[in-house]
């Protein structure tokens, strides 16, 4: 149920029906969609993980808008880039079964577009299809880190080693990252959302802070 609610929330944000700054509470989502508080909260957390909303603990969730999502290019290119990140960073470990329905919803892509987005990884042997299941290969060598870094933005390349220096679960303050990396706050914020998209960070109490993902081996960045 949380996925269905999240799908509608995502559609409202991307279509502009919920503009940046729009506020909504878990109770409001629960009442509107006729679901319990838990799936309503999971749907809102999903929007925060996508960088589409920010959470104010105990109060409300505010729309940031689709412009906060830093990954650009065609849909197929974004799919390839994000999946490469998740495989190299260990978010999708060897043998991990890819949730194709969720990926289609995340990227708002049809089956053909998703297939094209995964074509390069299949050709490289990083993704395999067997018995109707698409999964990360258990035998292929890891994609070289240098290849991963090429597909990060310059700001994300600067922030990544700083973020990896924080313990799992630790709060990662955006202002400190910006200062250490020599970036503006806006550049650091966009780069942090890029790292959220691949599962290294989790939004924490709004725009000004993030948290190192405490369980990257089990993280599903963009769905409950």
N, C-alpha and C. Protein backbone atom coordinates (compact mmCIF):
# COMPACT_ATOMS: atom_id res chain seq x y z
N UNK A 1 0.83 -1.21 0.00
CA UNK A 1 0.00 0.00 0.00
C UNK A 1 0.86 1.26 0.00
N UNK A 2 1.97 1.22 0.73
CA UNK A 2 2.85 2.39 0.77
C UNK A 2 3.36 2.75 -0.61
N UNK A 3 3.64 1.74 -1.44
CA UNK A 3 4.16 2.00 -2.78
C UNK A 3 3.12 2.70 -3.65
N UNK A 4 1.84 2.28 -3.51
CA UNK A 4 0.78 2.91 -4.29
C UNK A 4 0.62 4.37 -3.88
N UNK A 5 0.66 4.64 -2.58
CA UNK A 5 0.55 6.01 -2.10
C UNK A 5 1.74 6.83 -2.59
N UNK A 6 2.95 6.26 -2.48
CA UNK A 6 4.15 6.97 -2.92
C UNK A 6 4.08 7.29 -4.40
N UNK A 7 3.53 6.38 -5.19
CA UNK A 7 3.41 6.61 -6.63
C UNK A 7 2.55 7.83 -6.92
N UNK A 8 1.46 7.97 -6.17
CA UNK A 8 0.58 9.13 -6.38
C UNK A 8 1.24 10.42 -5.89
N UNK A 9 1.95 10.35 -4.75
CA UNK A 9 2.64 11.54 -4.25
C UNK A 9 3.70 11.99 -5.24
N UNK A 10 4.44 11.05 -5.79
CA UNK A 10 5.49 11.37 -6.77
C UNK A 10 4.87 12.04 -8.00
N UNK A 11 3.73 11.52 -8.45
CA UNK A 11 3.08 12.08 -9.63
C UNK A 11 2.63 13.51 -9.37
N UNK A 12 2.13 13.78 -8.17
CA UNK A 12 1.69 15.14 -7.85
C UNK A 12 2.85 16.12 -7.84
N UNK A 13 3.99 15.67 -7.31
CA UNK A 13 5.15 16.56 -7.22
C UNK A 13 5.72 16.83 -8.60
N UNK A 14 5.92 15.76 -9.38
CA UNK A 14 6.54 15.93 -10.69
C UNK A 14 5.64 16.69 -11.65
N UNK A 15 4.31 16.59 -11.46
CA UNK A 15 3.37 17.31 -12.32
C UNK A 15 3.15 18.74 -11.86
N UNK A 16 3.69 19.09 -10.69
CA UNK A 16 3.55 20.45 -10.20
C UNK A 16 2.27 20.71 -9.43
N UNK A 17 1.47 19.67 -9.20
CA UNK A 17 0.23 19.87 -8.43
C UNK A 17 0.55 20.15 -6.96
N UNK A 18 1.67 19.61 -6.49
CA UNK A 18 2.20 19.97 -5.18
C UNK A 18 3.48 20.76 -5.44
N UNK A 19 3.43 22.07 -5.41
CA UNK A 19 4.60 22.88 -5.74
C UNK A 19 5.62 22.89 -4.61
N UNK A 20 6.86 23.30 -4.87
CA UNK A 20 7.85 23.44 -3.80
C UNK A 20 7.31 24.32 -2.68
N UNK A 21 7.50 23.85 -1.43
CA UNK A 21 7.01 24.57 -0.27
C UNK A 21 5.70 24.03 0.27
N UNK A 22 4.99 23.22 -0.54
CA UNK A 22 3.73 22.64 -0.07
C UNK A 22 3.99 21.72 1.12
N UNK A 23 3.17 21.84 2.16
CA UNK A 23 3.37 21.04 3.37
C UNK A 23 2.25 20.02 3.53
N UNK A 24 2.59 18.86 4.02
CA UNK A 24 1.61 17.81 4.26
C UNK A 24 2.06 16.99 5.45
N UNK A 25 1.11 16.50 6.23
CA UNK A 25 1.43 15.68 7.40
C UNK A 25 1.08 14.22 7.12
N UNK A 26 1.63 13.36 7.94
CA UNK A 26 1.31 11.94 7.81
C UNK A 26 -0.17 11.70 8.02
N UNK A 27 -0.77 12.42 8.97
CA UNK A 27 -2.20 12.25 9.25
C UNK A 27 -3.04 12.64 8.03
N UNK A 28 -2.63 13.68 7.32
CA UNK A 28 -3.37 14.12 6.13
C UNK A 28 -3.29 13.07 5.02
N UNK A 29 -2.09 12.52 4.81
CA UNK A 29 -1.93 11.47 3.80
C UNK A 29 -2.74 10.24 4.18
N UNK A 30 -2.70 9.87 5.46
CA UNK A 30 -3.44 8.71 5.94
C UNK A 30 -4.94 8.88 5.70
N UNK A 31 -5.46 10.08 6.01
CA UNK A 31 -6.90 10.32 5.84
C UNK A 31 -7.30 10.36 4.37
N UNK A 32 -6.49 11.00 3.54
CA UNK A 32 -6.86 11.15 2.13
C UNK A 32 -6.88 9.82 1.40
N UNK A 33 -5.87 8.95 1.69
CA UNK A 33 -5.76 7.70 0.96
C UNK A 33 -6.41 6.52 1.68
N UNK A 34 -6.93 6.77 2.88
CA UNK A 34 -7.59 5.72 3.61
C UNK A 34 -6.68 4.60 4.06
N UNK A 35 -5.44 4.97 4.43
CA UNK A 35 -4.48 3.97 4.89
C UNK A 35 -4.08 4.27 6.33
N UNK A 36 -3.46 3.32 6.97
CA UNK A 36 -3.01 3.52 8.34
C UNK A 36 -1.77 4.42 8.37
N UNK A 37 -1.41 4.84 9.57
CA UNK A 37 -0.31 5.79 9.72
C UNK A 37 1.02 5.22 9.22
N UNK A 38 1.25 3.91 9.41
CA UNK A 38 2.54 3.34 9.04
C UNK A 38 2.80 3.42 7.53
N UNK A 39 1.89 2.93 6.66
CA UNK A 39 2.17 3.06 5.23
C UNK A 39 2.18 4.51 4.76
N UNK A 40 1.39 5.39 5.39
CA UNK A 40 1.44 6.80 5.02
C UNK A 40 2.81 7.38 5.33
N UNK A 41 3.36 7.03 6.50
CA UNK A 41 4.69 7.49 6.87
C UNK A 41 5.77 6.93 5.97
N UNK A 42 5.64 5.66 5.58
CA UNK A 42 6.62 5.05 4.68
C UNK A 42 6.61 5.74 3.32
N UNK A 43 5.43 6.10 2.83
CA UNK A 43 5.34 6.79 1.54
C UNK A 43 6.02 8.14 1.61
N UNK A 44 5.84 8.87 2.71
CA UNK A 44 6.48 10.18 2.86
C UNK A 44 8.00 10.03 2.99
N UNK A 45 8.45 9.01 3.73
CA UNK A 45 9.89 8.78 3.85
C UNK A 45 10.50 8.43 2.49
N UNK A 46 9.74 7.73 1.68
CA UNK A 46 10.20 7.40 0.34
C UNK A 46 10.42 8.68 -0.47
N UNK A 47 9.50 9.63 -0.37
CA UNK A 47 9.65 10.90 -1.08
C UNK A 47 10.89 11.66 -0.59
N UNK A 48 11.15 11.57 0.71
CA UNK A 48 12.36 12.22 1.25
C UNK A 48 13.61 11.54 0.72
N UNK A 49 13.59 10.20 0.64
CA UNK A 49 14.75 9.46 0.13
C UNK A 49 15.04 9.81 -1.32
N UNK A 50 13.99 10.14 -2.08
CA UNK A 50 14.16 10.52 -3.48
C UNK A 50 14.62 11.97 -3.63
N UNK A 51 14.64 12.71 -2.52
CA UNK A 51 15.01 14.11 -2.61
C UNK A 51 13.87 15.00 -3.08
N UNK A 52 12.64 14.46 -3.10
CA UNK A 52 11.49 15.24 -3.56
C UNK A 52 10.84 16.02 -2.41
N UNK A 53 11.06 15.57 -1.17
CA UNK A 53 10.49 16.22 -0.01
C UNK A 53 11.52 16.26 1.11
N UNK A 54 11.26 17.06 2.12
CA UNK A 54 12.09 17.07 3.32
C UNK A 54 11.20 16.91 4.53
N UNK A 55 11.75 16.29 5.58
CA UNK A 55 10.97 15.94 6.76
C UNK A 55 11.35 16.80 7.94
N UNK A 56 10.33 17.33 8.61
CA UNK A 56 10.52 18.04 9.87
C UNK A 56 9.94 17.16 10.96
N UNK A 57 10.80 16.59 11.78
CA UNK A 57 10.38 15.58 12.74
C UNK A 57 9.24 16.08 13.63
N UNK A 58 8.17 15.27 13.69
CA UNK A 58 7.06 15.57 14.56
C UNK A 58 6.11 16.63 14.05
N UNK A 59 6.37 17.20 12.85
CA UNK A 59 5.52 18.28 12.38
C UNK A 59 4.94 17.98 11.00
N UNK A 60 5.69 18.16 9.94
CA UNK A 60 5.16 18.05 8.60
C UNK A 60 6.27 17.70 7.63
N UNK A 61 5.86 17.39 6.42
CA UNK A 61 6.80 17.12 5.34
C UNK A 61 6.59 18.17 4.26
N UNK A 62 7.66 18.76 3.76
CA UNK A 62 7.57 19.85 2.78
C UNK A 62 8.13 19.40 1.45
N UNK A 63 7.44 19.80 0.38
CA UNK A 63 7.87 19.47 -0.98
C UNK A 63 9.09 20.31 -1.36
N UNK A 64 10.12 19.64 -1.88
CA UNK A 64 11.27 20.34 -2.43
C UNK A 64 11.11 20.55 -3.93
N UNK A 65 10.44 19.60 -4.59
CA UNK A 65 10.22 19.73 -6.02
C UNK A 65 11.19 18.88 -6.81
N UNK A 66 10.84 18.51 -8.04
CA UNK A 66 11.70 17.66 -8.86
C UNK A 66 13.03 18.29 -9.21
N UNK A 67 13.15 19.63 -9.12
CA UNK A 67 14.42 20.29 -9.45
C UNK A 67 15.53 19.91 -8.49
N UNK A 68 15.17 19.33 -7.31
CA UNK A 68 16.19 18.94 -6.35
C UNK A 68 16.94 17.68 -6.80
N UNK A 69 16.36 16.94 -7.74
CA UNK A 69 17.00 15.70 -8.18
C UNK A 69 18.13 16.03 -9.14
N UNK A 70 19.41 15.72 -8.80
CA UNK A 70 20.54 16.19 -9.58
C UNK A 70 20.90 15.35 -10.79
N UNK A 71 20.32 14.15 -10.92
CA UNK A 71 20.74 13.26 -11.98
C UNK A 71 20.06 13.67 -13.29
N UNK A 72 20.85 14.01 -14.29
CA UNK A 72 20.31 14.53 -15.54
C UNK A 72 20.66 13.58 -16.68
N UNK A 73 20.14 13.90 -17.87
CA UNK A 73 20.37 13.04 -19.02
C UNK A 73 19.08 12.34 -19.39
N UNK A 74 19.14 11.46 -20.41
CA UNK A 74 17.96 10.70 -20.78
C UNK A 74 17.61 9.72 -19.67
N UNK A 75 16.38 9.19 -19.73
CA UNK A 75 15.95 8.24 -18.70
C UNK A 75 16.85 7.01 -18.71
N UNK A 76 17.17 6.51 -19.90
CA UNK A 76 18.05 5.33 -19.99
C UNK A 76 19.42 5.62 -19.39
N UNK A 77 19.94 6.81 -19.63
CA UNK A 77 21.25 7.18 -19.09
C UNK A 77 21.19 7.27 -17.57
N UNK A 78 20.09 7.82 -17.04
CA UNK A 78 19.97 7.92 -15.58
C UNK A 78 19.87 6.54 -14.96
N UNK A 79 19.13 5.65 -15.59
CA UNK A 79 19.01 4.28 -15.07
C UNK A 79 20.39 3.62 -15.01
N UNK A 80 21.13 3.71 -16.10
CA UNK A 80 22.47 3.12 -16.15
C UNK A 80 23.36 3.71 -15.06
N UNK A 81 23.33 5.03 -14.92
CA UNK A 81 24.21 5.71 -13.96
C UNK A 81 23.87 5.30 -12.53
N UNK A 82 22.59 5.32 -12.19
CA UNK A 82 22.19 5.02 -10.81
C UNK A 82 22.47 3.56 -10.47
N UNK A 83 22.16 2.65 -11.38
CA UNK A 83 22.42 1.23 -11.10
C UNK A 83 23.91 0.96 -10.95
N UNK A 84 24.75 1.61 -11.77
CA UNK A 84 26.20 1.44 -11.62
C UNK A 84 26.64 1.91 -10.24
N UNK A 85 26.14 3.06 -9.82
CA UNK A 85 26.49 3.57 -8.49
C UNK A 85 26.12 2.56 -7.41
N UNK A 86 24.91 2.06 -7.49
CA UNK A 86 24.43 1.17 -6.42
C UNK A 86 25.20 -0.14 -6.39
N UNK A 87 25.60 -0.64 -7.56
CA UNK A 87 26.38 -1.88 -7.60
C UNK A 87 27.77 -1.65 -7.03
N UNK A 88 28.44 -0.58 -7.48
CA UNK A 88 29.81 -0.32 -7.03
C UNK A 88 29.86 0.00 -5.54
N UNK A 89 28.88 0.77 -5.06
CA UNK A 89 28.88 1.15 -3.65
C UNK A 89 28.43 0.02 -2.74
N UNK A 90 27.98 -1.10 -3.33
CA UNK A 90 27.55 -2.23 -2.51
C UNK A 90 26.12 -2.13 -2.05
N UNK A 91 25.38 -1.12 -2.53
CA UNK A 91 23.97 -1.01 -2.17
C UNK A 91 23.20 -2.19 -2.77
N UNK A 92 23.58 -2.55 -4.01
CA UNK A 92 23.06 -3.75 -4.64
C UNK A 92 24.20 -4.78 -4.65
N UNK A 93 24.26 -5.65 -3.67
CA UNK A 93 25.37 -6.61 -3.57
C UNK A 93 25.23 -7.73 -4.59
N UNK A 94 26.30 -8.52 -4.80
CA UNK A 94 26.23 -9.66 -5.72
C UNK A 94 25.07 -10.58 -5.36
N UNK A 95 24.33 -10.96 -6.39
CA UNK A 95 23.19 -11.84 -6.18
C UNK A 95 21.90 -11.12 -5.84
N UNK A 96 21.96 -9.80 -5.66
CA UNK A 96 20.76 -9.04 -5.31
C UNK A 96 19.77 -9.07 -6.47
N UNK A 97 18.53 -9.42 -6.16
CA UNK A 97 17.49 -9.47 -7.19
C UNK A 97 16.91 -8.07 -7.39
N UNK A 98 17.01 -7.57 -8.60
CA UNK A 98 16.56 -6.21 -8.88
C UNK A 98 15.03 -6.14 -8.86
N UNK A 99 14.47 -5.18 -8.14
CA UNK A 99 13.00 -5.01 -8.09
C UNK A 99 12.53 -4.21 -9.31
N UNK A 100 12.28 -4.90 -10.40
CA UNK A 100 12.02 -4.22 -11.67
C UNK A 100 10.79 -3.32 -11.62
N UNK A 101 9.73 -3.78 -10.96
CA UNK A 101 8.52 -2.95 -10.89
C UNK A 101 8.82 -1.65 -10.15
N UNK A 102 9.58 -1.72 -9.08
CA UNK A 102 9.91 -0.52 -8.32
C UNK A 102 10.82 0.40 -9.12
N UNK A 103 11.74 -0.18 -9.88
CA UNK A 103 12.63 0.64 -10.70
C UNK A 103 11.85 1.36 -11.80
N UNK A 104 10.87 0.67 -12.38
CA UNK A 104 10.05 1.35 -13.38
C UNK A 104 9.29 2.51 -12.76
N UNK A 105 8.79 2.33 -11.54
CA UNK A 105 8.11 3.42 -10.86
C UNK A 105 9.05 4.54 -10.48
N UNK A 106 10.24 4.19 -10.01
CA UNK A 106 11.22 5.20 -9.60
C UNK A 106 11.60 6.11 -10.75
N UNK A 107 11.85 5.51 -11.91
CA UNK A 107 12.30 6.29 -13.06
C UNK A 107 11.15 6.68 -14.00
N UNK A 108 9.93 6.26 -13.63
CA UNK A 108 8.75 6.52 -14.46
C UNK A 108 9.04 6.06 -15.89
N UNK A 109 9.50 4.81 -15.99
CA UNK A 109 9.95 4.26 -17.27
C UNK A 109 9.13 3.02 -17.63
N UNK A 110 8.93 2.80 -18.92
CA UNK A 110 8.29 1.59 -19.38
C UNK A 110 9.31 0.44 -19.38
N UNK A 111 8.83 -0.76 -19.67
CA UNK A 111 9.73 -1.92 -19.66
C UNK A 111 10.88 -1.76 -20.66
N UNK A 112 10.55 -1.22 -21.85
CA UNK A 112 11.59 -1.07 -22.86
C UNK A 112 12.67 -0.09 -22.45
N UNK A 113 12.27 1.03 -21.84
CA UNK A 113 13.25 2.03 -21.40
C UNK A 113 14.13 1.46 -20.29
N UNK A 114 13.51 0.73 -19.35
CA UNK A 114 14.30 0.12 -18.29
C UNK A 114 15.28 -0.89 -18.87
N UNK A 115 14.84 -1.67 -19.84
CA UNK A 115 15.72 -2.65 -20.47
C UNK A 115 16.90 -1.97 -21.16
N UNK A 116 16.61 -0.86 -21.87
CA UNK A 116 17.70 -0.13 -22.52
C UNK A 116 18.67 0.45 -21.49
N UNK A 117 18.13 0.90 -20.36
CA UNK A 117 18.99 1.45 -19.33
C UNK A 117 19.92 0.42 -18.71
N UNK A 118 19.50 -0.85 -18.72
CA UNK A 118 20.32 -1.92 -18.14
C UNK A 118 21.18 -2.62 -19.17
N UNK A 119 21.04 -2.24 -20.45
CA UNK A 119 21.73 -2.98 -21.52
C UNK A 119 23.25 -2.95 -21.35
N UNK A 120 23.80 -1.78 -21.00
CA UNK A 120 25.25 -1.69 -20.84
C UNK A 120 25.77 -2.57 -19.72
N UNK A 121 25.03 -2.62 -18.62
CA UNK A 121 25.44 -3.46 -17.49
C UNK A 121 25.30 -4.94 -17.81
N UNK A 122 24.28 -5.29 -18.60
CA UNK A 122 24.15 -6.69 -19.03
C UNK A 122 25.30 -7.07 -19.95
N UNK A 123 25.65 -6.18 -20.88
CA UNK A 123 26.75 -6.47 -21.80
C UNK A 123 28.07 -6.61 -21.04
N UNK A 124 28.19 -5.87 -19.96
CA UNK A 124 29.41 -5.90 -19.14
C UNK A 124 29.43 -7.11 -18.22
N UNK A 125 28.30 -7.79 -18.09
CA UNK A 125 28.22 -8.95 -17.22
C UNK A 125 27.92 -8.62 -15.78
N UNK A 126 27.60 -7.37 -15.50
CA UNK A 126 27.32 -6.97 -14.11
C UNK A 126 25.91 -7.35 -13.70
N UNK A 127 25.00 -7.44 -14.68
CA UNK A 127 23.62 -7.85 -14.44
C UNK A 127 23.34 -9.07 -15.30
N UNK A 128 22.70 -10.05 -14.72
CA UNK A 128 22.37 -11.27 -15.45
C UNK A 128 20.88 -11.56 -15.34
N UNK A 129 20.35 -12.23 -16.33
CA UNK A 129 18.95 -12.65 -16.33
C UNK A 129 18.93 -14.17 -16.39
N UNK A 130 18.29 -14.79 -15.41
CA UNK A 130 18.21 -16.25 -15.36
C UNK A 130 16.89 -16.65 -14.73
N UNK A 131 16.19 -17.56 -15.38
CA UNK A 131 14.92 -18.07 -14.87
C UNK A 131 13.93 -16.94 -14.56
N UNK A 132 13.91 -15.97 -15.44
CA UNK A 132 12.96 -14.89 -15.28
C UNK A 132 13.32 -13.87 -14.23
N UNK A 133 14.51 -13.97 -13.64
CA UNK A 133 14.94 -13.06 -12.59
C UNK A 133 16.13 -12.23 -13.08
N UNK A 134 16.08 -10.93 -12.84
CA UNK A 134 17.19 -10.04 -13.16
C UNK A 134 17.93 -9.72 -11.88
N UNK A 135 19.22 -10.01 -11.82
CA UNK A 135 19.97 -9.85 -10.58
C UNK A 135 21.39 -9.39 -10.87
N UNK A 136 22.03 -8.88 -9.83
CA UNK A 136 23.44 -8.53 -9.92
C UNK A 136 24.25 -9.82 -9.96
N UNK A 137 25.20 -9.89 -10.87
CA UNK A 137 26.01 -11.10 -11.03
C UNK A 137 26.78 -11.41 -9.75
N UNK A 138 26.90 -12.69 -9.45
CA UNK A 138 27.68 -13.11 -8.27
C UNK A 138 29.13 -13.40 -8.61
N UNK A 139 29.47 -13.36 -9.90
CA UNK A 139 30.83 -13.74 -10.30
C UNK A 139 31.61 -12.63 -10.97
N UNK A 140 30.92 -11.64 -11.54
CA UNK A 140 31.62 -10.60 -12.28
C UNK A 140 32.47 -9.74 -11.33
N UNK A 141 33.60 -9.29 -11.82
CA UNK A 141 34.42 -8.37 -11.04
C UNK A 141 33.66 -7.08 -10.81
N UNK A 142 33.94 -6.44 -9.69
CA UNK A 142 33.29 -5.17 -9.39
C UNK A 142 33.64 -4.13 -10.46
N UNK A 143 32.66 -3.28 -10.75
CA UNK A 143 32.92 -2.18 -11.68
C UNK A 143 34.00 -1.30 -11.07
N UNK A 144 35.05 -0.95 -11.82
CA UNK A 144 36.13 -0.15 -11.24
C UNK A 144 35.62 1.15 -10.65
N UNK A 145 36.21 1.52 -9.51
CA UNK A 145 35.79 2.75 -8.84
C UNK A 145 36.00 3.97 -9.74
N UNK A 146 37.07 3.94 -10.56
CA UNK A 146 37.33 5.08 -11.44
C UNK A 146 36.18 5.28 -12.42
N UNK A 147 35.58 4.19 -12.86
CA UNK A 147 34.45 4.29 -13.78
C UNK A 147 33.24 4.90 -13.07
N UNK A 148 33.05 4.51 -11.81
CA UNK A 148 31.96 5.08 -11.02
C UNK A 148 32.12 6.58 -10.88
N UNK A 149 33.31 7.02 -10.54
CA UNK A 149 33.53 8.43 -10.25
C UNK A 149 33.30 9.30 -11.48
N UNK A 150 33.52 8.75 -12.66
CA UNK A 150 33.29 9.53 -13.88
C UNK A 150 31.83 9.94 -14.01
N UNK A 151 30.93 9.12 -13.48
CA UNK A 151 29.50 9.41 -13.65
C UNK A 151 28.92 10.21 -12.50
N UNK A 152 29.73 10.51 -11.50
CA UNK A 152 29.31 11.44 -10.44
C UNK A 152 29.55 12.86 -10.94
N UNK A 153 28.77 13.79 -10.40
CA UNK A 153 29.07 15.20 -10.66
C UNK A 153 30.37 15.56 -9.95
N UNK A 154 30.98 16.67 -10.35
CA UNK A 154 32.22 17.11 -9.71
C UNK A 154 32.01 17.33 -8.22
N UNK A 155 30.89 17.94 -7.85
CA UNK A 155 30.62 18.19 -6.43
C UNK A 155 30.48 16.88 -5.66
N UNK A 156 29.78 15.89 -6.24
CA UNK A 156 29.62 14.60 -5.57
C UNK A 156 30.95 13.88 -5.42
N UNK A 157 31.84 14.03 -6.43
CA UNK A 157 33.16 13.41 -6.32
C UNK A 157 33.94 14.00 -5.14
N UNK A 158 33.77 15.28 -4.92
CA UNK A 158 34.46 15.91 -3.78
C UNK A 158 33.86 15.45 -2.44
N UNK A 159 32.54 15.30 -2.41
CA UNK A 159 31.89 14.97 -1.13
C UNK A 159 32.02 13.50 -0.76
N UNK A 160 32.08 12.63 -1.75
CA UNK A 160 32.02 11.19 -1.48
C UNK A 160 33.07 10.74 -0.46
N UNK A 161 34.38 11.06 -0.63
CA UNK A 161 35.35 10.59 0.38
C UNK A 161 35.09 11.18 1.76
N UNK A 162 34.57 12.40 1.80
CA UNK A 162 34.24 13.00 3.10
C UNK A 162 33.10 12.24 3.77
N UNK A 163 32.09 11.91 2.98
CA UNK A 163 30.94 11.17 3.52
C UNK A 163 31.38 9.78 4.00
N UNK A 164 32.23 9.11 3.22
CA UNK A 164 32.68 7.77 3.60
C UNK A 164 33.53 7.80 4.86
N UNK A 165 34.03 8.97 5.23
CA UNK A 165 34.80 9.10 6.46
C UNK A 165 33.94 9.12 7.71
N UNK A 166 32.65 9.31 7.56
CA UNK A 166 31.74 9.30 8.71
C UNK A 166 31.32 7.87 9.05
N UNK A 167 31.15 7.55 10.32
CA UNK A 167 30.68 6.20 10.69
C UNK A 167 29.26 5.97 10.17
N UNK A 168 28.91 4.70 9.96
CA UNK A 168 27.56 4.36 9.54
C UNK A 168 26.56 4.86 10.58
N UNK A 169 25.52 5.52 10.11
CA UNK A 169 24.50 6.04 11.01
C UNK A 169 24.77 7.43 11.56
N UNK A 170 25.97 7.96 11.33
CA UNK A 170 26.32 9.27 11.87
C UNK A 170 25.64 10.39 11.10
N UNK A 171 25.33 11.48 11.81
CA UNK A 171 24.79 12.66 11.15
C UNK A 171 25.90 13.35 10.36
N UNK A 172 25.59 13.71 9.12
CA UNK A 172 26.57 14.34 8.23
C UNK A 172 26.06 15.76 7.94
N UNK A 173 26.61 16.79 8.59
CA UNK A 173 26.09 18.15 8.41
C UNK A 173 26.49 18.73 7.05
N UNK A 174 25.50 19.19 6.34
CA UNK A 174 25.74 19.76 5.01
C UNK A 174 26.69 20.96 5.04
N UNK A 175 26.54 21.92 6.00
CA UNK A 175 27.45 23.08 6.00
C UNK A 175 28.92 22.67 6.16
N UNK A 176 29.18 21.67 7.01
CA UNK A 176 30.55 21.23 7.21
C UNK A 176 31.11 20.59 5.94
N UNK A 177 30.26 19.82 5.24
CA UNK A 177 30.70 19.21 3.99
C UNK A 177 31.03 20.29 2.96
N UNK A 178 30.14 21.29 2.86
CA UNK A 178 30.35 22.36 1.88
C UNK A 178 31.67 23.08 2.14
N UNK A 179 31.95 23.37 3.40
CA UNK A 179 33.18 24.08 3.73
C UNK A 179 34.41 23.22 3.45
N UNK A 180 34.36 21.95 3.84
CA UNK A 180 35.50 21.07 3.66
C UNK A 180 35.79 20.81 2.18
N UNK A 181 34.74 20.79 1.35
CA UNK A 181 34.93 20.49 -0.07
C UNK A 181 35.09 21.74 -0.92
N UNK A 182 34.96 22.92 -0.30
CA UNK A 182 35.08 24.15 -1.06
C UNK A 182 33.92 24.37 -2.01
N UNK A 183 32.70 24.02 -1.55
CA UNK A 183 31.51 24.16 -2.37
C UNK A 183 30.56 25.17 -1.74
N UNK A 184 29.64 25.69 -2.55
CA UNK A 184 28.57 26.50 -1.99
C UNK A 184 27.56 25.58 -1.34
N UNK A 185 26.67 26.15 -0.52
CA UNK A 185 25.65 25.33 0.12
C UNK A 185 24.75 24.67 -0.92
N UNK A 186 24.39 25.41 -1.98
CA UNK A 186 23.53 24.83 -3.00
C UNK A 186 24.22 23.67 -3.72
N UNK A 187 25.51 23.84 -4.01
CA UNK A 187 26.25 22.75 -4.67
C UNK A 187 26.34 21.53 -3.76
N UNK A 188 26.61 21.76 -2.48
CA UNK A 188 26.72 20.65 -1.54
C UNK A 188 25.38 19.95 -1.37
N UNK A 189 24.30 20.73 -1.34
CA UNK A 189 22.97 20.13 -1.17
C UNK A 189 22.63 19.24 -2.35
N UNK A 190 22.88 19.72 -3.58
CA UNK A 190 22.60 18.92 -4.76
C UNK A 190 23.44 17.65 -4.77
N UNK A 191 24.72 17.77 -4.37
CA UNK A 191 25.60 16.60 -4.34
C UNK A 191 25.14 15.60 -3.28
N UNK A 192 24.67 16.11 -2.14
CA UNK A 192 24.16 15.21 -1.09
C UNK A 192 22.95 14.44 -1.58
N UNK A 193 22.07 15.10 -2.32
CA UNK A 193 20.91 14.39 -2.86
C UNK A 193 21.34 13.37 -3.90
N UNK A 194 22.43 13.63 -4.60
CA UNK A 194 22.97 12.65 -5.53
C UNK A 194 23.44 11.42 -4.77
N UNK A 195 24.05 11.62 -3.61
CA UNK A 195 24.50 10.49 -2.79
C UNK A 195 23.34 9.81 -2.09
N UNK A 196 22.26 10.54 -1.84
CA UNK A 196 21.03 9.92 -1.34
C UNK A 196 20.49 8.94 -2.37
N UNK A 197 20.50 9.36 -3.64
CA UNK A 197 19.93 8.54 -4.71
C UNK A 197 20.63 7.20 -4.84
N UNK A 198 21.91 7.11 -4.49
CA UNK A 198 22.63 5.84 -4.61
C UNK A 198 22.72 5.11 -3.28
N UNK A 199 22.18 5.70 -2.21
CA UNK A 199 22.09 4.98 -0.94
C UNK A 199 23.18 5.24 0.06
N UNK A 200 24.08 6.20 -0.18
CA UNK A 200 25.13 6.48 0.79
C UNK A 200 24.64 7.36 1.93
N UNK A 201 23.67 8.21 1.64
CA UNK A 201 23.13 9.13 2.64
C UNK A 201 21.62 8.97 2.76
N UNK A 202 21.09 9.43 3.89
CA UNK A 202 19.66 9.48 4.13
C UNK A 202 19.34 10.89 4.61
N UNK A 203 18.30 11.54 4.07
CA UNK A 203 17.94 12.88 4.58
C UNK A 203 17.61 12.82 6.07
N UNK A 204 18.04 13.82 6.80
CA UNK A 204 17.84 13.84 8.25
C UNK A 204 17.38 15.23 8.68
N UNK A 205 16.16 15.33 9.14
CA UNK A 205 15.64 16.59 9.67
C UNK A 205 15.79 17.76 8.70
N UNK A 206 15.38 17.55 7.47
CA UNK A 206 15.35 18.66 6.53
C UNK A 206 16.60 18.79 5.70
N UNK A 207 16.73 19.95 5.04
CA UNK A 207 17.80 20.16 4.07
C UNK A 207 19.17 20.24 4.73
N UNK A 208 19.24 20.77 5.95
CA UNK A 208 20.54 21.11 6.53
C UNK A 208 21.37 19.96 7.04
N UNK A 209 20.85 18.74 7.05
CA UNK A 209 21.63 17.63 7.59
C UNK A 209 21.23 16.34 6.88
N UNK A 210 22.18 15.42 6.81
CA UNK A 210 21.94 14.10 6.26
C UNK A 210 22.53 13.10 7.25
N UNK A 211 22.27 11.83 7.01
CA UNK A 211 22.81 10.79 7.87
C UNK A 211 23.42 9.71 7.00
N UNK A 212 24.59 9.21 7.40
CA UNK A 212 25.21 8.09 6.68
C UNK A 212 24.30 6.89 6.82
N UNK A 213 23.97 6.28 5.71
CA UNK A 213 23.06 5.15 5.72
C UNK A 213 23.60 4.06 6.65
N UNK A 214 22.85 3.72 7.73
CA UNK A 214 23.38 2.77 8.70
C UNK A 214 23.44 1.33 8.22
N UNK A 215 22.60 0.97 7.24
CA UNK A 215 22.60 -0.40 6.74
C UNK A 215 22.65 -0.42 5.23
N UNK A 216 23.79 -0.03 4.63
CA UNK A 216 23.84 0.03 3.16
C UNK A 216 23.63 -1.31 2.50
N UNK A 217 23.94 -2.40 3.21
CA UNK A 217 23.76 -3.71 2.59
C UNK A 217 22.30 -4.07 2.44
N UNK A 218 21.42 -3.40 3.20
CA UNK A 218 20.00 -3.71 3.11
C UNK A 218 19.19 -2.53 2.60
N UNK A 219 19.87 -1.47 2.22
CA UNK A 219 19.16 -0.25 1.86
C UNK A 219 18.46 -0.38 0.52
N UNK A 220 17.22 0.10 0.46
CA UNK A 220 16.48 0.23 -0.78
C UNK A 220 16.16 1.70 -0.91
N UNK A 221 17.02 2.46 -1.56
CA UNK A 221 16.95 3.92 -1.46
C UNK A 221 15.62 4.55 -1.82
N UNK A 222 14.93 4.03 -2.83
CA UNK A 222 13.79 4.76 -3.34
C UNK A 222 12.48 4.01 -3.22
N UNK A 223 12.39 3.06 -2.32
CA UNK A 223 11.10 2.43 -2.07
C UNK A 223 11.13 1.82 -0.67
N UNK A 224 9.95 1.63 -0.05
CA UNK A 224 9.90 1.03 1.29
C UNK A 224 10.33 -0.42 1.25
